[in-house]
Amino acid sequence: MKILAIDTSTPAGGVAITEGDSVLANVFDVRKQSSQGAPVSHASEEFSSKLFRYVDSLLKEVRLGLPDIDIFAVTAGPGSFTGLRVGLTAVKAWSEVYGKPIAAISALEAVAAQSLASSGLIAAYTDARRGQVFWGLFERSQRRLNSLGEESVMRPQEFIESVMKLAGGQSQGLDKGSNQISPVKFVSPAPEIIADALAESPLGNSVVEKVSEDLAPWVGRLAFGRAQRGELVYALTLDANYVRRMDAELYWKDS
């Protein structure tokens, strides 16, 4: 079962071709750091505009064509509004043309899937800019991730407070000065964005597990699991989970 997985949820997107749990080919648009420390693309061109060139290159690398792909997998959010639209539009078109199903994967689930935790609660988060994080809480059981509540966007302090509420009494977790391990595992490609808020919280001794920003291979692996459970969709039923409204909607006012 060959899967074409794409991630356009962040400026540093990626494409992977997977088969089962194996990655046959992968490309990741690595971001460099500017002189001020801010992440920027290694080229001025956004990843979403290079997507089709990358897809074509990977297909040639593994000697496949789009008709040979069994499942098209895509990050359905949360993330960049424009980026998500490009990815979703691409897989919708391919699905309709080739009559193949789609696996819509949460970008946060692709982050949580990388955790080394074999069981328990996993709080995955990514940088949403504007001093906010996209986040979701998952429970890993029998190698499967189950989402607990809706994914959301909020400031780091609010995120940590929400995690503690969702986790209930269990997430009283790490009292400062205690050696007790918190039942909530924090996971992110950018651990530093909640560092200050986490240090000032009751979970201040928690260690955040840093994982890869390259989500496409994990999107492919999660899509394989979706296929095994019969949880695939087609173009007409595919939808995005933007979480945060687009800027035009946020700032529009009645004239």
C-alpha atoms as a PDB file:
ATOM      1  CA  MET A   1       0.000   0.000   0.000  1.00  0.00           C
ATOM      2  CA  LYS A   2       1.807   3.074  -1.294  1.00  0.00           C
ATOM      3  CA  ILE A   3       0.985   6.418   0.317  1.00  0.00           C
ATOM      4  CA  LEU A   4       1.854   9.915  -0.851  1.00  0.00           C
ATOM      5  CA  ALA A   5       1.965  12.102   2.274  1.00  0.00           C
ATOM      6  CA  ILE A   6       2.267  15.869   2.235  1.00  0.00           C
ATOM      7  CA  ASP A   7       2.562  18.439   4.993  1.00  0.00           C
ATOM      8  CA  THR A   8       1.901  22.091   4.199  1.00  0.00           C
ATOM      9  CA  SER A   9       0.847  23.109   7.707  1.00  0.00           C
ATOM     10  CA  THR A  10       4.027  25.131   8.345  1.00  0.00           C
ATOM     11  CA  PRO A  11       6.455  27.163   6.190  1.00  0.00           C
ATOM     12  CA  ALA A  12       8.851  24.198   6.498  1.00  0.00           C
ATOM     13  CA  GLY A  13       6.731  21.581   4.755  1.00  0.00           C
ATOM     14  CA  GLY A  14       7.538  18.143   3.471  1.00  0.00           C
ATOM     15  CA  VAL A  15       6.584  15.300   1.173  1.00  0.00           C
ATOM     16  CA  ALA A  16       7.041  11.579   1.743  1.00  0.00           C
ATOM     17  CA  ILE A  17       6.199   8.381  -0.075  1.00  0.00           C
ATOM     18  CA  THR A  18       5.610   5.541   2.362  1.00  0.00           C
ATOM     19  CA  GLU A  19       4.674   1.885   2.226  1.00  0.00           C
ATOM     20  CA  GLY A  20       3.374   0.472   5.482  1.00  0.00           C
ATOM     21  CA  ASP A  21       5.655   1.869   8.184  1.00  0.00           C
ATOM     22  CA  SER A  22       8.567   2.275   5.758  1.00  0.00           C
ATOM     23  CA  VAL A  23       9.579   5.562   4.152  1.00  0.00           C
ATOM     24  CA  LEU A  24      10.530   5.053   0.502  1.00  0.00           C
ATOM     25  CA  ALA A  25      11.440   8.681  -0.194  1.00  0.00           C
ATOM     26  CA  ASN A  26      11.239  11.957   1.666  1.00  0.00           C
ATOM     27  CA  VAL A  27      11.991  15.625   1.149  1.00  0.00           C
ATOM     28  CA  PHE A  28      11.855  18.284   3.859  1.00  0.00           C
ATOM     29  CA  ASP A  29      12.151  22.031   3.289  1.00  0.00           C
ATOM     30  CA  VAL A  30      14.525  22.762   6.170  1.00  0.00           C
ATOM     31  CA  ARG A  31      14.345  26.249   7.661  1.00  0.00           C
ATOM     32  CA  LYS A  32      17.451  28.149   8.622  1.00  0.00           C
ATOM     33  CA  GLN A  33      17.807  30.723  11.387  1.00  0.00           C
ATOM     34  CA  SER A  34      18.131  34.381  10.530  1.00  0.00           C
ATOM     35  CA  SER A  35      20.778  36.549  12.175  1.00  0.00           C
ATOM     36  CA  GLN A  36      18.089  37.591  14.666  1.00  0.00           C
ATOM     37  CA  GLY A  37      17.321  33.951  15.476  1.00  0.00           C
ATOM     38  CA  ALA A  38      13.933  33.882  13.751  1.00  0.00           C
ATOM     39  CA  PRO A  39      13.212  30.848  11.568  1.00  0.00           C
ATOM     40  CA  VAL A  40      13.045  31.595   7.860  1.00  0.00           C
ATOM     41  CA  SER A  41      12.775  29.417   4.771  1.00  0.00           C
ATOM     42  CA  HIS A  42      16.054  28.521   3.091  1.00  0.00           C
ATOM     43  CA  ALA A  43      14.631  30.262   0.028  1.00  0.00           C
ATOM     44  CA  SER A  44      12.255  33.170  -0.407  1.00  0.00           C
ATOM     45  CA  GLU A  45       9.728  30.871  -2.082  1.00  0.00           C
ATOM     46  CA  GLU A  46       7.096  29.354   0.216  1.00  0.00           C
ATOM     47  CA  PHE A  47       7.015  25.570   0.444  1.00  0.00           C
ATOM     48  CA  SER A  48       3.421  25.398  -0.786  1.00  0.00           C
ATOM     49  CA  SER A  49       4.492  26.879  -4.124  1.00  0.00           C
ATOM     50  CA  LYS A  50       7.234  24.228  -4.490  1.00  0.00           C
ATOM     51  CA  LEU A  51       4.989  21.321  -3.501  1.00  0.00           C
ATOM     52  CA  PHE A  52       4.305  19.967  -6.976  1.00  0.00           C
ATOM     53  CA  ARG A  53       7.970  20.044  -7.988  1.00  0.00           C
ATOM     54  CA  TYR A  54       8.849  18.059  -4.867  1.00  0.00           C
ATOM     55  CA  VAL A  55       6.069  15.532  -5.505  1.00  0.00           C
ATOM     56  CA  ASP A  56       7.248  15.060  -9.103  1.00  0.00           C
ATOM     57  CA  SER A  57      10.860  14.638  -7.965  1.00  0.00           C
ATOM     58  CA  LEU A  58      10.013  12.013  -5.322  1.00  0.00           C
ATOM     59  CA  LEU A  59       7.801  10.023  -7.675  1.00  0.00           C
ATOM     60  CA  LYS A  60      10.625   9.890 -10.210  1.00  0.00           C
ATOM     61  CA  GLU A  61      13.041   8.829  -7.457  1.00  0.00           C
ATOM     62  CA  VAL A  62      10.952   5.750  -6.611  1.00  0.00           C
ATOM     63  CA  ARG A  63       9.831   5.206 -10.228  1.00  0.00           C
ATOM     64  CA  LEU A  64       6.147   5.680  -9.547  1.00  0.00           C
ATOM     65  CA  GLY A  65       3.400   7.839 -10.997  1.00  0.00           C
ATOM     66  CA  LEU A  66       0.390   9.360  -9.283  1.00  0.00           C
ATOM     67  CA  PRO A  67      -1.844   6.520 -10.592  1.00  0.00           C
ATOM     68  CA  ASP A  68       0.350   4.070  -8.601  1.00  0.00           C
ATOM     69  CA  ILE A  69      -0.449   5.778  -5.283  1.00  0.00           C
ATOM     70  CA  ASP A  70      -3.068   3.949  -3.186  1.00  0.00           C
ATOM     71  CA  ILE A  71      -3.753   6.686  -0.607  1.00  0.00           C
ATOM     72  CA  PHE A  72      -3.182  10.426  -0.577  1.00  0.00           C
ATOM     73  CA  ALA A  73      -2.411  11.656   2.943  1.00  0.00           C
ATOM     74  CA  VAL A  74      -2.349  15.269   4.069  1.00  0.00           C
ATOM     75  CA  THR A  75      -2.120  17.367   7.213  1.00  0.00           C
ATOM     76  CA  ALA A  76      -5.611  18.826   7.637  1.00  0.00           C
ATOM     77  CA  GLY A  77      -4.592  21.306  10.332  1.00  0.00           C
ATOM     78  CA  PRO A  78      -3.998  23.125  12.469  1.00  0.00           C
ATOM     79  CA  GLY A  79      -1.502  25.386  10.785  1.00  0.00           C
ATOM     80  CA  SER A  80      -0.976  28.005   8.113  1.00  0.00           C
ATOM     81  CA  PHE A  81      -4.300  28.872   6.477  1.00  0.00           C
ATOM     82  CA  THR A  82      -2.809  29.295   2.996  1.00  0.00           C
ATOM     83  CA  GLY A  83      -0.535  26.289   3.313  1.00  0.00           C
ATOM     84  CA  LEU A  84      -3.328  23.998   4.426  1.00  0.00           C
ATOM     85  CA  ARG A  85      -5.540  25.115   1.553  1.00  0.00           C
ATOM     86  CA  VAL A  86      -2.808  24.271  -0.974  1.00  0.00           C
ATOM     87  CA  GLY A  87      -2.271  20.793   0.474  1.00  0.00           C
ATOM     88  CA  LEU A  88      -5.963  19.996   0.789  1.00  0.00           C
ATOM     89  CA  THR A  89      -6.744  21.252  -2.714  1.00  0.00           C
ATOM     90  CA  ALA A  90      -3.950  19.107  -4.157  1.00  0.00           C
ATOM     91  CA  VAL A  91      -5.073  15.839  -2.551  1.00  0.00           C
ATOM     92  CA  LYS A  92      -8.727  16.548  -3.352  1.00  0.00           C
ATOM     93  CA  ALA A  93      -7.829  16.921  -7.019  1.00  0.00           C
ATOM     94  CA  TRP A  94      -5.702  13.767  -7.060  1.00  0.00           C
ATOM     95  CA  SER A  95      -8.399  11.825  -5.233  1.00  0.00           C
ATOM     96  CA  GLU A  96     -11.028  12.810  -7.791  1.00  0.00           C
ATOM     97  CA  VAL A  97      -8.825  12.202 -10.822  1.00  0.00           C
ATOM     98  CA  TYR A  98      -7.485   8.816  -9.731  1.00  0.00           C
ATOM     99  CA  GLY A  99     -10.409   7.631  -7.596  1.00  0.00           C
ATOM    100  CA  LYS A 100      -8.201   7.032  -4.558  1.00  0.00           C
ATOM    101  CA  PRO A 101      -9.067   7.692  -0.883  1.00  0.00           C
ATOM    102  CA  ILE A 102      -7.585  10.349   1.389  1.00  0.00           C
ATOM    103  CA  ALA A 103      -6.218  10.163   4.921  1.00  0.00           C
ATOM    104  CA  ALA A 104      -6.712  13.494   6.722  1.00  0.00           C
ATOM    105  CA  ILE A 105      -4.139  13.660   9.530  1.00  0.00           C
ATOM    106  CA  SER A 106      -3.831  16.199  12.324  1.00  0.00           C
ATOM    107  CA  ALA A 107      -0.455  17.935  12.327  1.00  0.00           C
ATOM    108  CA  LEU A 108      -0.525  17.664  16.125  1.00  0.00           C
ATOM    109  CA  GLU A 109      -1.137  13.925  15.950  1.00  0.00           C
ATOM    110  CA  ALA A 110       1.919  13.667  13.691  1.00  0.00           C
ATOM    111  CA  VAL A 111       3.882  15.468  16.416  1.00  0.00           C
ATOM    112  CA  ALA A 112       2.476  13.273  19.204  1.00  0.00           C
ATOM    113  CA  ALA A 113       3.156  10.085  17.218  1.00  0.00           C
ATOM    114  CA  GLN A 114       6.894  10.762  17.464  1.00  0.00           C
ATOM    115  CA  SER A 115       6.918  10.645  21.251  1.00  0.00           C
ATOM    116  CA  LEU A 116       8.957   7.903  22.885  1.00  0.00           C
ATOM    117  CA  ALA A 117       6.208   7.469  25.473  1.00  0.00           C
ATOM    118  CA  SER A 118       4.719   3.997  25.049  1.00  0.00           C
ATOM    119  CA  SER A 119       1.518   4.858  26.919  1.00  0.00           C
ATOM    120  CA  GLY A 120      -0.213   7.655  28.818  1.00  0.00           C
ATOM    121  CA  LEU A 121      -1.111  11.250  28.039  1.00  0.00           C
ATOM    122  CA  ILE A 122       0.780  13.241  25.407  1.00  0.00           C
ATOM    123  CA  ALA A 123       0.339  17.014  25.032  1.00  0.00           C
ATOM    124  CA  ALA A 124       1.547  17.970  21.555  1.00  0.00           C
ATOM    125  CA  TYR A 125       2.041  21.584  20.528  1.00  0.00           C
ATOM    126  CA  THR A 126       3.477  23.685  17.713  1.00  0.00           C
ATOM    127  CA  ASP A 127       4.242  27.364  17.222  1.00  0.00           C
ATOM    128  CA  ALA A 128       1.133  29.288  16.111  1.00  0.00           C
ATOM    129  CA  ARG A 129       2.984  32.649  16.109  1.00  0.00           C
ATOM    130  CA  ARG A 130       1.559  35.765  17.770  1.00  0.00           C
ATOM    131  CA  GLY A 131       2.634  34.378  21.156  1.00  0.00           C
ATOM    132  CA  GLN A 132       0.307  31.384  20.820  1.00  0.00           C
ATOM    133  CA  VAL A 133       0.538  27.630  20.362  1.00  0.00           C
ATOM    134  CA  PHE A 134      -1.567  25.092  18.507  1.00  0.00           C
ATOM    135  CA  TRP A 135      -2.103  22.142  20.813  1.00  0.00           C
ATOM    136  CA  GLY A 136      -3.938  18.895  21.377  1.00  0.00           C
ATOM    137  CA  LEU A 137      -4.002  16.248  24.097  1.00  0.00           C
ATOM    138  CA  PHE A 138      -3.708  12.587  23.138  1.00  0.00           C
ATOM    139  CA  GLU A 139      -3.722   9.282  24.963  1.00  0.00           C
ATOM    140  CA  ARG A 140      -1.531   6.479  23.667  1.00  0.00           C
ATOM    141  CA  SER A 141      -2.936   3.009  24.206  1.00  0.00           C
ATOM    142  CA  GLN A 142      -1.984  -0.189  22.395  1.00  0.00           C
ATOM    143  CA  ARG A 143       0.144   1.773  19.906  1.00  0.00           C
ATOM    144  CA  ARG A 144      -2.816   3.961  18.948  1.00  0.00           C
ATOM    145  CA  LEU A 145      -3.289   7.668  19.663  1.00  0.00           C
ATOM    146  CA  ASN A 146      -6.711   8.817  20.787  1.00  0.00           C
ATOM    147  CA  SER A 147      -7.537  12.521  20.801  1.00  0.00           C
ATOM    148  CA  LEU A 148      -8.894  13.904  24.084  1.00  0.00           C
ATOM    149  CA  GLY A 149     -10.953  17.008  23.395  1.00  0.00           C
ATOM    150  CA  GLU A 150     -10.722  19.467  20.529  1.00  0.00           C
ATOM    151  CA  GLU A 151      -7.467  20.910  19.226  1.00  0.00           C
ATOM    152  CA  SER A 152      -7.080  24.580  19.992  1.00  0.00           C
ATOM    153  CA  VAL A 153      -4.897  27.682  19.832  1.00  0.00           C
ATOM    154  CA  MET A 154      -4.037  29.803  22.875  1.00  0.00           C
ATOM    155  CA  ARG A 155      -1.224  31.374  24.852  1.00  0.00           C
ATOM    156  CA  PRO A 156       1.287  29.015  26.540  1.00  0.00           C
ATOM    157  CA  GLN A 157       0.011  29.647  30.083  1.00  0.00           C
ATOM    158  CA  GLU A 158      -3.588  28.955  29.024  1.00  0.00           C
ATOM    159  CA  PHE A 159      -2.413  25.837  27.191  1.00  0.00           C
ATOM    160  CA  ILE A 160      -0.760  24.397  30.301  1.00  0.00           C
ATOM    161  CA  GLU A 161      -3.794  25.207  32.437  1.00  0.00           C
ATOM    162  CA  SER A 162      -6.066  23.503  29.906  1.00  0.00           C
ATOM    163  CA  VAL A 163      -3.879  20.409  29.823  1.00  0.00           C
ATOM    164  CA  MET A 164      -4.082  20.152  33.605  1.00  0.00           C
ATOM    165  CA  LYS A 165      -7.869  20.447  33.525  1.00  0.00           C
ATOM    166  CA  LEU A 166      -8.266  17.834  30.795  1.00  0.00           C
ATOM    167  CA  ALA A 167      -5.876  15.477  32.542  1.00  0.00           C
ATOM    168  CA  GLY A 168      -7.895  15.843  35.746  1.00  0.00           C
ATOM    169  CA  GLY A 169      -6.439  15.002  39.121  1.00  0.00           C
ATOM    170  CA  GLN A 170      -3.672  12.965  37.488  1.00  0.00           C
ATOM    171  CA  SER A 171      -1.941  16.058  36.134  1.00  0.00           C
ATOM    172  CA  GLN A 172      -1.180  17.527  39.521  1.00  0.00           C
ATOM    173  CA  GLY A 173       1.980  15.836  38.269  1.00  0.00           C
ATOM    174  CA  LEU A 174       5.233  17.403  39.167  1.00  0.00           C
ATOM    175  CA  ASP A 175       5.297  19.335  42.400  1.00  0.00           C
ATOM    176  CA  LYS A 176       8.401  21.469  42.396  1.00  0.00           C
ATOM    177  CA  GLY A 177      11.231  19.704  44.148  1.00  0.00           C
ATOM    178  CA  SER A 178       9.566  16.318  43.683  1.00  0.00           C
ATOM    179  CA  ASN A 179      11.055  13.418  41.731  1.00  0.00           C
ATOM    180  CA  GLN A 180       7.624  12.207  40.722  1.00  0.00           C
ATOM    181  CA  ILE A 181       7.131  11.896  36.950  1.00  0.00           C
ATOM    182  CA  SER A 182       4.265  13.849  35.467  1.00  0.00           C
ATOM    183  CA  PRO A 183       1.621  11.698  33.770  1.00  0.00           C
ATOM    184  CA  VAL A 184       1.500  14.234  30.941  1.00  0.00           C
ATOM    185  CA  LYS A 185       4.281  14.124  28.355  1.00  0.00           C
ATOM    186  CA  PHE A 186       4.846  17.417  26.500  1.00  0.00           C
ATOM    187  CA  VAL A 187       6.043  16.981  22.915  1.00  0.00           C
ATOM    188  CA  SER A 188       6.965  19.598  20.316  1.00  0.00           C
ATOM    189  CA  PRO A 189       9.346  20.476  17.479  1.00  0.00           C
ATOM    190  CA  ALA A 190       9.855  23.790  19.331  1.00  0.00           C
ATOM    191  CA  PRO A 191      10.008  23.100  23.106  1.00  0.00           C
ATOM    192  CA  GLU A 192      11.266  26.576  23.926  1.00  0.00           C
ATOM    193  CA  ILE A 193       8.017  28.392  23.129  1.00  0.00           C
ATOM    194  CA  ILE A 194       6.369  27.301  26.397  1.00  0.00           C
ATOM    195  CA  ALA A 195       9.532  27.186  28.534  1.00  0.00           C
ATOM    196  CA  ASP A 196       8.768  30.257  30.658  1.00  0.00           C
ATOM    197  CA  ALA A 197       5.086  29.426  31.188  1.00  0.00           C
ATOM    198  CA  LEU A 198       5.905  25.808  32.018  1.00  0.00           C
ATOM    199  CA  ALA A 199       8.589  26.785  34.542  1.00  0.00           C
ATOM    200  CA  GLU A 200       6.080  28.922  36.443  1.00  0.00           C
ATOM    201  CA  SER A 201       3.383  26.226  36.493  1.00  0.00           C
ATOM    202  CA  PRO A 202       2.757  23.257  38.833  1.00  0.00           C
ATOM    203  CA  LEU A 203       4.256  21.129  36.034  1.00  0.00           C
ATOM    204  CA  GLY A 204       7.463  23.143  36.137  1.00  0.00           C
ATOM    205  CA  ASN A 205       9.746  20.118  36.422  1.00  0.00           C
ATOM    206  CA  SER A 206       8.360  18.526  33.277  1.00  0.00           C
ATOM    207  CA  VAL A 207      10.772  17.809  30.458  1.00  0.00           C
ATOM    208  CA  VAL A 208       9.511  18.596  26.975  1.00  0.00           C
ATOM    209  CA  GLU A 209      10.445  15.985  24.389  1.00  0.00           C
ATOM    210  CA  LYS A 210      11.792  17.604  21.222  1.00  0.00           C
ATOM    211  CA  VAL A 211      10.701  15.863  18.019  1.00  0.00           C
ATOM    212  CA  SER A 212      11.214  16.455  14.320  1.00  0.00           C
ATOM    213  CA  GLU A 213       9.523  19.251  12.424  1.00  0.00           C
ATOM    214  CA  ASP A 214       9.489  16.936   9.402  1.00  0.00           C
ATOM    215  CA  LEU A 215       5.929  15.614   9.708  1.00  0.00           C
ATOM    216  CA  ALA A 216       5.332  14.065   6.276  1.00  0.00           C
ATOM    217  CA  PRO A 217       6.804  10.595   7.084  1.00  0.00           C
ATOM    218  CA  TRP A 218       4.617  10.426  10.206  1.00  0.00           C
ATOM    219  CA  VAL A 219       1.592  11.554   8.233  1.00  0.00           C
ATOM    220  CA  GLY A 220       2.222   8.589   5.941  1.00  0.00           C
ATOM    221  CA  ARG A 221       2.571   6.134   8.825  1.00  0.00           C
ATOM    222  CA  LEU A 222      -0.588   7.418  10.499  1.00  0.00           C
ATOM    223  CA  ALA A 223      -2.414   7.184   7.161  1.00  0.00           C
ATOM    224  CA  PHE A 224      -1.498   3.497   6.989  1.00  0.00           C
ATOM    225  CA  GLY A 225      -3.164   2.997  10.370  1.00  0.00           C
ATOM    226  CA  ARG A 226      -6.239   4.879   9.155  1.00  0.00           C
ATOM    227  CA  ALA A 227      -6.449   2.574   6.144  1.00  0.00           C
ATOM    228  CA  GLN A 228      -6.233  -0.525   8.325  1.00  0.00           C
ATOM    229  CA  ARG A 229      -9.136   0.764  10.434  1.00  0.00           C
ATOM    230  CA  GLY A 230     -11.204   1.875   7.446  1.00  0.00           C
ATOM    231  CA  GLU A 231     -11.033   5.553   8.417  1.00  0.00           C
ATOM    232  CA  LEU A 232     -10.320   7.078   5.008  1.00  0.00           C
ATOM    233  CA  VAL A 233     -12.326   9.789   3.256  1.00  0.00           C
ATOM    234  CA  TYR A 234     -12.840  11.109  -0.274  1.00  0.00           C
ATOM    235  CA  ALA A 235     -12.660  14.602  -1.747  1.00  0.00           C
ATOM    236  CA  LEU A 236     -16.245  15.591  -0.978  1.00  0.00           C
ATOM    237  CA  THR A 237     -15.918  14.803   2.736  1.00  0.00           C
ATOM    238  CA  LEU A 238     -12.395  16.145   3.280  1.00  0.00           C
ATOM    239  CA  ASP A 239     -12.296  19.260   5.436  1.00  0.00           C
ATOM    240  CA  ALA A 240      -9.675  21.385   7.163  1.00  0.00           C
ATOM    241  CA  ASN A 241      -9.226  22.029  10.857  1.00  0.00           C
ATOM    242  CA  TYR A 242      -7.929  25.597  10.753  1.00  0.00           C
ATOM    243  CA  VAL A 243      -8.536  26.148  14.520  1.00  0.00           C
ATOM    244  CA  ARG A 244      -7.758  29.849  14.141  1.00  0.00           C
ATOM    245  CA  ARG A 245      -9.796  31.964  11.744  1.00  0.00           C
ATOM    246  CA  MET A 246      -8.037  33.541   8.787  1.00  0.00           C
ATOM    247  CA  ASP A 247      -6.726  37.106   9.190  1.00  0.00           C
ATOM    248  CA  ALA A 248      -9.310  38.584   6.821  1.00  0.00           C
ATOM    249  CA  GLU A 249     -12.065  37.213   9.051  1.00  0.00           C
ATOM    250  CA  LEU A 250     -10.367  38.240  12.281  1.00  0.00           C
ATOM    251  CA  TYR A 251      -9.810  41.837  11.290  1.00  0.00           C
ATOM    252  CA  TRP A 252     -12.869  42.482   9.091  1.00  0.00           C
ATOM    253  CA  LYS A 253     -15.244  45.116  10.450  1.00  0.00           C
ATOM    254  CA  ASP A 254     -18.552  46.483   9.269  1.00  0.00           C
ATOM    255  CA  SER A 255     -18.025  49.649   7.269  1.00  0.00           C
END
